Amino acid sequence: MNDVFLKFTDEATALAALAAEGIVPDTENEKLPTMGALSDGTDFVLHVCGQGSGTVYEPTGNTITDVNAETGEDNSRPEMAAVIGYHINMRFDGDVPASLAAFDIAPATPAERFA
């Protein structure tokens, strides 16, 4: 199995590129993966990142600190910002189709992974 991390400019571009491969994401249950097979029989699993929104986040380099109302302790966490684009993760039983390879961003540390 090959995991592919795809980034499109927007949802419409993503849907058009997927449709060209005969892939139609399950819009009824966007939070769940879509499974199927390409016309050549290659099995795939598709997951729209961000619980179906296509949005992923990355640290800005800043830290946010606030106080826990119950304990009075400081809570520090990285400030996060949305990454521009529409993100989809796919797992293929073979190689990624050439038409989708152009959108492969292959991050060293993807924001979301398959379990």
Protein backbone atom coordinates (compact mmCIF):
# COMPACT_ATOMS: atom_id res chain seq x y z
CA MET A 1 0.00 0.00 0.00
CA ASN A 2 1.20 3.51 -0.82
CA ASP A 3 0.08 6.55 1.15
CA VAL A 4 -0.23 9.73 -0.88
CA PHE A 5 -0.82 13.19 0.57
CA LEU A 6 -2.54 15.45 -1.95
CA LYS A 7 -2.95 19.22 -1.87
CA PHE A 8 -5.29 21.05 -4.24
CA THR A 9 -6.00 24.78 -4.56
CA ASP A 10 -9.63 24.24 -3.54
CA GLU A 11 -12.39 21.63 -3.21
CA ALA A 12 -13.64 22.08 -6.79
CA THR A 13 -10.17 21.37 -8.19
CA ALA A 14 -9.89 18.30 -5.97
CA LEU A 15 -13.27 16.93 -7.03
CA ALA A 16 -12.48 17.50 -10.71
CA ALA A 17 -9.11 15.73 -10.46
CA LEU A 18 -10.66 12.81 -8.58
CA ALA A 19 -13.59 12.58 -11.03
CA ALA A 20 -11.09 12.28 -13.89
CA GLU A 21 -9.99 9.03 -12.23
CA GLY A 22 -13.56 7.90 -11.61
CA ILE A 23 -13.33 8.66 -7.89
CA VAL A 24 -16.36 10.25 -6.24
CA PRO A 25 -15.92 10.96 -2.52
CA ASP A 26 -18.80 10.03 -0.22
CA THR A 27 -20.29 13.49 0.42
CA GLU A 28 -22.97 12.04 2.71
CA ASN A 29 -20.35 10.95 5.26
CA GLU A 30 -17.38 13.26 4.61
CA LYS A 31 -15.85 12.42 7.99
CA LEU A 32 -15.53 8.76 6.96
CA PRO A 33 -13.06 7.41 4.39
CA THR A 34 -14.27 6.60 0.89
CA MET A 35 -13.17 3.18 -0.39
CA GLY A 36 -13.31 1.86 -3.91
CA ALA A 37 -11.41 0.75 -6.96
CA LEU A 38 -10.13 2.67 -9.97
CA SER A 39 -11.10 1.62 -13.49
CA ASP A 40 -7.88 -0.43 -13.69
CA GLY A 41 -8.88 -2.34 -10.53
CA THR A 42 -6.47 -0.54 -8.17
CA ASP A 43 -8.02 -0.39 -4.70
CA PHE A 44 -7.94 2.91 -2.82
CA VAL A 45 -9.02 4.57 0.42
CA LEU A 46 -9.63 8.33 0.34
CA HIS A 47 -9.77 10.56 3.41
CA VAL A 48 -10.60 14.27 3.22
CA CYS A 49 -8.50 15.90 5.95
CA GLY A 50 -9.87 18.10 8.70
CA GLN A 51 -12.93 15.94 9.36
CA GLY A 52 -14.19 16.52 5.85
CA SER A 53 -13.26 20.20 5.52
CA GLY A 54 -10.02 19.64 3.60
CA THR A 55 -8.21 21.95 6.03
CA VAL A 56 -5.03 21.07 7.90
CA TYR A 57 -3.17 23.20 10.42
CA GLU A 58 0.50 23.81 11.16
CA PRO A 59 2.34 25.60 13.99
CA THR A 60 3.07 29.29 13.44
CA GLY A 61 6.11 29.27 15.75
CA ASN A 62 4.25 31.23 18.44
CA THR A 63 3.03 29.85 21.75
CA ILE A 64 -0.36 30.52 23.33
CA THR A 65 -0.52 30.52 27.11
CA ASP A 66 -3.68 30.75 29.19
CA VAL A 67 -4.71 29.77 32.69
CA ASN A 68 -6.78 26.69 33.47
CA ALA A 69 -9.86 28.03 35.32
CA GLU A 70 -10.13 24.91 37.50
CA THR A 71 -6.50 24.40 38.51
CA GLY A 72 -5.01 27.86 38.05
CA GLU A 73 -2.12 26.30 36.10
CA ASP A 74 -0.69 27.83 32.95
CA ASN A 75 -1.53 25.97 29.77
CA SER A 76 0.90 26.45 26.89
CA ARG A 77 0.37 25.15 23.41
CA PRO A 78 1.61 25.99 19.93
CA GLU A 79 -0.42 28.51 17.97
CA MET A 80 -1.81 26.84 14.84
CA ALA A 81 -2.82 28.34 11.49
CA ALA A 82 -4.69 26.84 8.55
CA VAL A 83 -2.56 25.75 5.60
CA ILE A 84 -3.80 27.16 2.30
CA GLY A 85 -5.38 24.54 0.04
CA TYR A 86 -7.66 21.51 0.14
CA HIS A 87 -6.00 18.38 1.50
CA ILE A 88 -6.80 14.73 0.83
CA ASN A 89 -4.92 11.63 1.89
CA MET A 90 -5.18 8.49 -0.21
CA ARG A 91 -3.93 4.95 0.14
CA PHE A 92 -3.48 2.98 -3.06
CA ASP A 93 -2.96 -0.71 -3.61
CA GLY A 94 -0.48 0.27 -6.34
CA ASP A 95 0.99 3.45 -7.76
CA VAL A 96 -0.82 6.77 -7.61
CA PRO A 97 -2.45 7.64 -10.96
CA ALA A 98 -0.32 10.06 -13.00
CA SER A 99 -3.13 12.63 -13.06
CA LEU A 100 -3.07 12.85 -9.24
CA ALA A 101 0.72 12.63 -8.85
CA ALA A 102 1.02 16.33 -9.70
CA PHE A 103 -0.84 17.13 -6.47
CA ASP A 104 1.34 14.87 -4.26
CA ILE A 105 3.07 16.97 -1.61
CA ALA A 106 4.73 14.05 0.25
CA PRO A 107 5.29 15.87 3.55
CA ALA A 108 7.85 14.36 5.93
CA THR A 109 5.35 14.78 8.76
CA PRO A 110 1.78 14.77 7.40
CA ALA A 111 -0.86 16.59 9.44
CA GLU A 112 -3.11 13.54 9.34
CA ARG A 113 -2.23 9.90 8.71
CA PHE A 114 -4.07 6.66 8.21
CA ALA A 115 -4.46 4.64 11.42
